[in-house]
Amino acid sequence: MNSAKYFYDLVNRMKADGYSLQETLWTAAKACEGWPYVYGAWGEECTPSERRKRLRYHPEKTEISKKCQVLNGSSKSCPGCKWYPNNERVLCFDCRGFTDKLLNVVYGFDLYGDAVGSQWRAAQNWKQKGTIDKMPRDTLCCLFVYKDNKWTHTGFGLNDETIECSSGVQVKTLAKKWTHYAVPACVDIAPQPDPGPAPEPTPTPEKRKTLRLGDKGAEVKLMQQDLMKAGESLPKYGADGDFGRETLAAVRSFQRKHRLDVDGICGPKTWAELMKYEGGTGND
């Protein structure tokens, strides 16, 4: 397990070597893995006196003392504790203290709010936020859990990984429990892939042009393609965009097979049947 000294040295070294602040924070946060969860702690050194202070503020949180070998009476000093590696201190947090501390150390940015919900609601904290399904890729985010009409937990997320302080600092894959994301105001949002132009919506039959013998153009060609996909034959001219006698015969044949008025005119009802074949395969 790394010490607090290692953590601070790592941040300073990565900054000096020109790493991005996002990469620095993510690497430093992983270096905290295994550090203790202490309710009400915001990144102070884990000491018996610090735990006693938290216990005064939160007397019902008995795990604060139970998990300390000095406070639970199993030892008179810290050496030998897993949170005192090589006789060096680690830091302790709760979930909101973890995100605030890391952002402060790396970015010099403090989250406003003393609870998970107040952090989420403080507009000045965030550059962008929303539901987890819209979380941007390649961008450091704070993650939140909204459950039973209250904000219950927070941590960090980057793509498919999370780092959180819950029963200690843990590195995990992105879990379904997270409901919302927020990009801290100090973090740059990575360019997102361009989804390209939205596909043109398929017009309804009522919006298709009514076609008759003698008409020409793209919609005539589309109608001819649909006719051939429906199994009608246009052996001489095919889908040439010209509503001639061959096309007229095909329209009438199609109408007859589909129990439509056999008038040779491609109106809304005929279009409605033809459009069922669009996207299929045919003779064109």
Foldseek 3Di string as FASTA:
>chain_A
DDFQVVLLVQLVVCVVVPDDLVVSLVVSLVVFFPAAEQPPFQWAWDDPVVLVVSCVVPVVPCVSQVLQCCSVVVDVGRPPRPQQPPNHTHTYYAFQSSVQNSCCSRVVDGQDDDDQQVSVPPPLFFPDKDWPVPDAAQWKKKWWAQDPNRTDGIFIDHHQWTWTHDRGTDIDGDDPRTTMIGHTPRIDGDDGDDPDDDDDDDDALQPQDKDAAAFFDDSQLVLQQLLQLVPFDDPPCGSPRHRHPSNLVSLLVQCVVVVHPSPSMCGSVNVNVSVVSPPHDGDD
